[in-house]
Protein backbone atom coordinates (compact mmCIF):
# COMPACT_ATOMS: atom_id res chain seq x y z
CA MET A 1 18.51 -51.08 84.95
CA SER A 2 15.17 -51.89 86.69
CA MET A 3 12.86 -49.25 88.10
CA ASP A 4 11.45 -49.50 91.62
CA LYS A 5 7.73 -49.34 92.24
CA GLU A 6 7.76 -45.70 93.22
CA SER A 7 9.51 -44.59 89.97
CA LYS A 8 7.08 -46.58 87.87
CA ASN A 9 4.17 -44.85 89.59
CA LYS A 10 5.70 -41.42 88.89
CA VAL A 11 6.13 -42.24 85.17
CA LYS A 12 2.56 -43.52 84.95
CA GLU A 13 1.26 -40.39 86.66
CA TYR A 14 3.21 -38.17 84.20
CA PHE A 15 1.89 -39.83 81.02
CA THR A 16 -1.68 -39.70 82.33
CA SER A 17 -1.40 -36.13 83.56
CA LYS A 18 -3.28 -33.19 81.92
CA LYS A 19 0.03 -31.46 81.10
CA PHE A 20 1.25 -34.39 79.05
CA ILE A 21 -2.04 -34.74 77.20
CA VAL A 22 -2.03 -31.04 76.26
CA MET A 23 1.58 -31.22 75.05
CA ALA A 24 0.85 -34.35 73.03
CA ALA A 25 -2.18 -32.70 71.42
CA ILE A 26 -0.10 -29.63 70.49
CA PHE A 27 2.58 -31.86 69.00
CA LEU A 28 0.06 -33.83 66.93
CA LEU A 29 -1.60 -30.61 65.74
CA ALA A 30 1.75 -29.24 64.66
CA ILE A 31 2.49 -32.40 62.70
CA GLY A 32 -0.93 -32.22 61.03
CA THR A 33 -0.51 -28.55 60.07
CA ALA A 34 2.92 -29.24 58.60
CA ALA A 35 1.54 -32.12 56.60
CA ALA A 36 -1.37 -30.03 55.31
CA THR A 37 0.99 -27.22 54.37
CA ALA A 38 3.24 -29.64 52.56
CA ILE A 39 0.28 -31.03 50.63
CA SER A 40 -0.90 -27.50 49.70
CA VAL A 41 2.57 -26.45 48.58
CA ASN A 42 2.90 -29.63 46.58
CA ARG A 43 -0.46 -28.97 44.87
CA GLN A 44 0.48 -25.35 44.06
CA LEU A 45 3.83 -26.48 42.71
CA ARG A 46 2.16 -29.02 40.42
CA GLU A 47 -0.31 -26.35 39.16
CA SER A 48 2.51 -23.86 38.52
CA LEU A 49 4.48 -26.44 36.58
CA THR A 50 1.39 -27.31 34.53
CA ASN A 51 0.72 -23.63 33.70
CA LEU A 52 4.36 -23.09 32.80
CA VAL A 53 4.32 -26.00 30.37
CA THR A 54 1.09 -24.72 28.80
CA GLU A 55 2.51 -21.21 28.37
CA GLU A 56 5.70 -22.57 26.86
CA GLU A 57 3.69 -24.64 24.37
CA THR A 58 1.63 -21.56 23.42
CA VAL A 59 4.75 -19.43 22.95
CA THR A 60 6.37 -22.18 20.91
CA GLU A 61 3.31 -22.50 18.66
CA LYS A 62 3.10 -18.72 18.17
CA THR A 63 6.82 -18.47 17.41
CA THR A 64 6.54 -21.27 14.88
CA GLU A 65 3.57 -19.53 13.23
CA ASN A 66 5.43 -16.21 13.03
CA ALA A 67 8.49 -17.90 11.63
CA ALA A 68 6.39 -19.53 8.94
CA ASN A 69 4.91 -16.17 8.04
CA ASP A 70 8.35 -14.57 7.79
CA VAL A 71 9.60 -17.26 5.47
CA THR A 72 6.60 -17.63 3.19
CA GLY A 73 5.16 -14.14 3.35
CA VAL A 74 1.69 -15.65 3.70
CA THR A 75 -0.46 -15.13 6.78
CA VAL A 76 -1.71 -18.37 8.25
CA GLY A 77 -5.39 -18.91 7.49
CA GLU A 78 -5.52 -16.22 4.77
CA THR A 79 -5.23 -16.33 1.00
CA GLU A 80 -2.84 -13.94 -0.65
CA LYS A 81 -4.45 -12.06 -3.55
CA THR A 82 -2.44 -11.13 -6.60
CA THR A 83 -3.47 -8.09 -8.60
CA VAL A 84 -2.28 -7.86 -12.20
CA GLU A 85 -2.00 -4.28 -13.41
CA GLU A 86 -2.24 -3.53 -17.10
CA VAL A 87 0.58 -1.20 -18.12
CA SER A 88 0.38 0.87 -21.29
CA VAL A 89 3.72 0.90 -23.09
CA ILE A 90 4.40 3.64 -25.63
CA LYS A 91 6.72 2.54 -28.41
CA GLU A 92 8.93 4.88 -30.42
CA GLY A 93 7.18 6.08 -33.57
CA ASP A 94 3.69 5.28 -32.27
CA PHE A 95 2.60 8.93 -32.11
CA VAL A 96 0.82 10.54 -35.04
CA TYR A 97 0.38 14.22 -35.80
CA PRO A 98 -3.08 15.47 -34.84
CA ALA A 99 -3.51 18.04 -37.64
CA GLY A 100 -0.67 17.93 -40.14
CA LYS A 101 2.92 18.84 -39.33
CA LYS A 102 2.94 22.63 -39.75
CA ILE A 103 3.53 24.37 -36.43
CA VAL A 104 2.62 28.05 -36.16
CA LYS A 105 3.74 28.60 -32.58
CA ASP A 106 6.23 26.63 -30.47
CA TYR A 107 6.15 25.58 -26.84
CA SER A 108 7.95 28.21 -24.74
CA GLY A 109 8.39 26.36 -21.48
CA SER A 110 9.05 28.87 -18.70
CA VAL A 111 9.97 31.69 -21.13
CA ALA A 112 7.33 34.38 -21.66
CA VAL A 113 6.48 35.24 -25.26
CA LYS A 114 4.39 38.01 -26.78
CA SER A 115 0.67 37.29 -27.18
CA LYS A 116 -0.70 39.14 -30.23
CA THR A 117 -4.26 38.60 -29.08
CA MET A 118 -3.90 39.69 -25.45
CA ASN A 119 -1.07 42.17 -26.19
CA ASP A 120 1.00 40.96 -23.23
CA TRP A 121 3.81 38.59 -22.41
CA ARG A 122 2.99 35.07 -21.20
CA VAL A 123 4.32 31.52 -21.44
CA HIS A 124 3.01 29.35 -24.26
CA SER A 125 2.26 26.02 -22.61
CA GLY A 126 1.72 23.99 -25.78
CA ILE A 127 2.34 23.96 -29.52
CA ASP A 128 -0.03 25.29 -32.17
CA PHE A 129 -0.67 23.21 -35.28
CA GLU A 130 -2.07 25.03 -38.30
CA ALA A 131 -5.59 23.81 -39.09
CA LYS A 132 -8.57 25.06 -41.03
CA GLU A 133 -11.96 25.53 -39.41
CA GLY A 134 -13.84 22.22 -39.44
CA GLN A 135 -10.68 20.18 -39.99
CA GLU A 136 -10.58 16.75 -38.33
CA ILE A 137 -8.36 16.47 -35.25
CA LYS A 138 -6.88 13.06 -34.49
CA ALA A 139 -5.68 11.39 -31.30
CA VAL A 140 -1.88 11.36 -31.24
CA GLN A 141 -1.89 7.94 -29.58
CA SER A 142 -4.30 5.35 -28.24
CA GLY A 143 -5.75 6.16 -24.84
CA ALA A 144 -8.81 6.90 -22.73
CA VAL A 145 -10.81 10.13 -22.74
CA LEU A 146 -10.53 11.59 -19.24
CA ALA A 147 -12.63 14.74 -19.62
CA ILE A 148 -14.40 17.06 -22.04
CA TYR A 149 -15.11 20.67 -21.09
CA ASN A 150 -15.76 24.08 -22.64
CA SER A 151 -13.62 27.14 -21.98
CA SER A 152 -14.43 30.73 -22.87
CA LEU A 153 -10.72 31.21 -23.70
CA TRP A 154 -9.70 27.87 -25.23
CA GLY A 155 -12.88 26.57 -26.84
CA THR A 156 -13.86 22.92 -26.35
CA ILE A 157 -11.09 20.86 -24.74
CA VAL A 158 -10.71 17.08 -24.93
CA GLU A 159 -8.32 15.55 -22.40
CA ILE A 160 -6.93 12.09 -23.15
CA ASP A 161 -4.71 9.84 -21.07
CA HIS A 162 -2.28 8.20 -23.49
CA GLY A 163 -0.54 6.02 -20.90
CA ALA A 164 3.03 6.02 -19.58
CA GLY A 165 2.20 9.17 -17.58
CA ILE A 166 1.32 11.17 -20.72
CA VAL A 167 -1.89 13.23 -20.80
CA ALA A 168 -2.76 15.43 -23.79
CA ARG A 169 -5.19 18.37 -23.95
CA TYR A 170 -6.62 19.14 -27.39
CA CYS A 171 -7.79 22.79 -27.29
CA GLY A 172 -9.80 24.77 -29.86
CA LEU A 173 -12.31 22.12 -30.89
CA GLY A 174 -15.95 22.78 -31.67
CA GLU A 175 -18.88 21.41 -29.74
CA LYS A 176 -19.41 18.66 -32.32
CA LEU A 177 -17.20 15.79 -31.14
CA LYS A 178 -16.62 12.18 -32.12
CA VAL A 179 -15.80 10.96 -28.61
CA SER A 180 -17.29 11.02 -25.12
CA THR A 181 -15.81 10.86 -21.64
CA ASN A 182 -14.43 7.38 -20.79
CA ASP A 183 -14.20 6.36 -24.46
CA VAL A 184 -11.15 4.38 -25.54
CA VAL A 185 -9.53 5.73 -28.71
CA GLU A 186 -6.92 4.49 -31.14
CA ALA A 187 -3.96 6.41 -32.52
CA GLY A 188 -5.11 8.49 -35.50
CA GLN A 189 -8.80 8.27 -34.58
CA THR A 190 -10.81 11.45 -35.17
CA ILE A 191 -11.88 13.01 -31.88
CA GLY A 192 -13.38 16.31 -33.10
CA PHE A 193 -13.15 19.28 -35.45
CA ILE A 194 -11.34 22.61 -35.30
CA SER A 195 -13.29 25.69 -34.28
CA SER A 196 -11.65 28.70 -32.61
CA ILE A 197 -9.46 29.71 -29.68
CA PRO A 198 -10.51 33.16 -28.41
CA VAL A 199 -7.36 33.72 -26.34
CA GLU A 200 -5.22 33.09 -29.45
CA ALA A 201 -7.62 34.44 -32.11
CA ALA A 202 -4.96 36.69 -33.69
CA ASP A 203 -2.99 33.57 -34.66
CA GLY A 204 -5.80 32.25 -36.87
CA THR A 205 -7.56 28.89 -36.58
CA HIS A 206 -5.33 26.20 -35.18
CA LEU A 207 -5.09 23.33 -32.70
CA HIS A 208 -3.44 24.14 -29.39
CA LEU A 209 -1.97 20.90 -28.01
CA GLU A 210 -0.71 20.69 -24.43
CA VAL A 211 1.03 17.67 -22.90
CA THR A 212 1.87 16.74 -19.32
CA LYS A 213 4.32 14.00 -18.42
CA ASP A 214 3.84 12.61 -14.91
CA GLY A 215 1.85 15.74 -14.05
CA ALA A 216 4.39 18.29 -15.33
CA LEU A 217 4.11 20.29 -18.55
CA ALA A 218 6.31 19.02 -21.37
CA ASP A 219 7.05 20.01 -24.95
CA PRO A 220 4.49 18.15 -27.11
CA LEU A 221 6.92 18.12 -30.03
CA SER A 222 9.11 15.66 -28.12
CA LEU A 223 6.43 13.00 -28.69
CA PHE A 224 6.93 13.06 -32.44
CA GLU A 225 10.73 13.21 -32.57
């Protein structure tokens, strides 16, 4: 279908009119904005995907490291140190009597007994071995000297850790000793000499031996049975 001259002129006038030019410019601007938006979205999408992959790799590496730690028990990048503890083992029959075998007063535990010296009733927390003044007192077992101190009631006291939770207190010694604090002694080694025990003076000269097992008082006689 052919257009007459008048129609052609109208079409030409329309495409060259200001209205058409403005509409065309708006259309082109819209296309450009859409394209720019698409490019921006595309860039953001690529960055998000990249970050996601990086985070996943980090999580995977951390999970692998933790799993390795759980299996081996060793922290990555650290060296596990092993400490060997020396344990003192007390064998049956290893204990020796500190001053002969004659006992003049037994351990009473929680039962109060009459004190001839103090004229009252009190528990007797150790056993008393008969001993003459100046008699040698021996360590009942090998061990380490924890402390040495003087008491107005019990005379000079030597405290020895004999291992396996056993600590012995040798009471009634004189000031002249054969050991010092932190010394290591052997079973049967002389540690001092008998003197006096003021709080038990009425019982004559003797060694008062107390024993704790894991911090609690125990009957010293049980060591020799």
